[in-house]
Amino acid sequence: MPEIYISARFKKAYRNLPEQLRQKVKKAMRLLAEDIRYPSLRTKPVQGASGVYEARVDRGCRMTYERLPGDALLMRVVGKHDEVLRNP
């Protein structure tokens, strides 16, 4: 199971989410830690951002992360789909 690091940007964006969405983010992060290819996350590389991946939280929300050496992930940002992918 990968170790998960959380960026300051991710923390700030997470704090600004409604409570219901925060719960979904927690669940998505648990699933990501268990299996980065978990089907409902629909993980894939972000086009134009080398080494950055996106994962689905729900229909309108995405989170991005980087794979780090030593089986670790750095969570970069979370929020509305279009906003997150504009600056992953």
Protein backbone atom coordinates (compact mmCIF):
# COMPACT_ATOMS: atom_id res chain seq x y z
CA MET A 1 0.00 0.00 0.00
CA PRO A 2 1.52 3.34 -1.01
CA GLU A 3 2.28 6.06 1.49
CA ILE A 4 0.24 9.20 0.77
CA TYR A 5 1.61 12.73 1.11
CA ILE A 6 -0.72 15.71 0.88
CA SER A 7 0.37 19.05 -0.58
CA ALA A 8 -0.60 22.36 1.02
CA ARG A 9 -2.61 23.16 -2.11
CA PHE A 10 -4.61 19.93 -1.73
CA LYS A 11 -5.26 20.66 1.98
CA LYS A 12 -6.52 24.16 1.18
CA ALA A 13 -8.79 22.94 -1.62
CA TYR A 14 -10.08 20.10 0.57
CA ARG A 15 -11.00 22.48 3.41
CA ASN A 16 -13.10 24.53 0.97
CA LEU A 17 -15.21 21.54 -0.12
CA PRO A 18 -18.66 20.85 1.33
CA GLU A 19 -18.66 18.17 4.06
CA GLN A 20 -20.48 15.63 1.88
CA LEU A 21 -17.83 15.95 -0.83
CA ARG A 22 -15.01 15.74 1.75
CA GLN A 23 -16.36 12.34 2.77
CA LYS A 24 -16.24 11.21 -0.86
CA VAL A 25 -12.65 12.46 -1.15
CA LYS A 26 -11.67 10.45 1.94
CA LYS A 27 -13.23 7.34 0.43
CA ALA A 28 -11.52 7.91 -2.91
CA MET A 29 -8.15 8.36 -1.18
CA ARG A 30 -8.67 5.10 0.76
CA LEU A 31 -9.43 3.30 -2.49
CA LEU A 32 -6.40 4.90 -4.16
CA ALA A 33 -4.18 3.71 -1.32
CA GLU A 34 -5.56 0.18 -1.67
CA ASP A 35 -5.31 -0.01 -5.46
CA ILE A 36 -4.37 2.88 -7.76
CA ARG A 37 -6.27 1.12 -10.54
CA TYR A 38 -9.51 0.70 -8.58
CA PRO A 39 -12.22 0.81 -11.29
CA SER A 40 -14.48 3.55 -9.87
CA LEU A 41 -11.53 5.97 -9.61
CA ARG A 42 -10.96 5.85 -13.38
CA THR A 43 -7.35 6.93 -12.90
CA LYS A 44 -5.47 8.14 -15.94
CA PRO A 45 -2.55 10.43 -16.84
CA VAL A 46 -3.35 14.12 -17.17
CA GLN A 47 -2.62 15.25 -20.72
CA GLY A 48 0.10 17.86 -20.91
CA ALA A 49 1.26 17.31 -17.31
CA SER A 50 4.00 14.72 -17.28
CA GLY A 51 3.91 12.42 -14.26
CA VAL A 52 0.55 13.74 -12.99
CA TYR A 53 -2.53 11.53 -12.78
CA GLU A 54 -6.19 12.23 -12.12
CA ALA A 55 -8.67 10.17 -10.13
CA ARG A 56 -12.44 10.52 -10.03
CA VAL A 57 -14.11 11.44 -6.73
CA ASP A 58 -17.58 11.77 -8.21
CA ARG A 59 -19.17 12.93 -11.44
CA GLY A 60 -18.00 16.54 -11.12
CA CYS A 61 -15.00 16.26 -8.81
CA ARG A 62 -11.43 15.13 -9.51
CA MET A 63 -8.19 14.92 -7.60
CA THR A 64 -4.68 14.82 -9.03
CA TYR A 65 -1.58 13.10 -7.75
CA GLU A 66 2.00 12.21 -8.62
CA ARG A 67 3.64 8.84 -8.16
CA LEU A 68 6.80 9.23 -6.12
CA PRO A 69 9.72 6.81 -5.82
CA GLY A 70 9.36 4.16 -3.15
CA ASP A 71 5.65 3.43 -3.63
CA ALA A 72 4.37 6.83 -2.50
CA LEU A 73 1.79 9.28 -3.84
CA LEU A 74 1.70 13.06 -3.58
CA MET A 75 -1.84 14.43 -3.65
CA ARG A 76 -1.72 17.70 -5.59
CA VAL A 77 -5.21 19.23 -5.79
CA VAL A 78 -8.90 18.36 -5.50
CA GLY A 79 -12.00 20.15 -6.75
CA LYS A 80 -14.27 20.70 -9.72
CA HIS A 81 -13.27 18.67 -12.76
CA ASP A 82 -12.47 21.52 -15.15
CA GLU A 83 -10.69 23.68 -12.57
CA VAL A 84 -8.49 20.82 -11.37
CA LEU A 85 -7.47 19.79 -14.87
CA ARG A 86 -6.74 23.37 -15.91
CA ASN A 87 -3.90 23.47 -13.35
CA PRO A 88 -3.26 19.91 -12.17
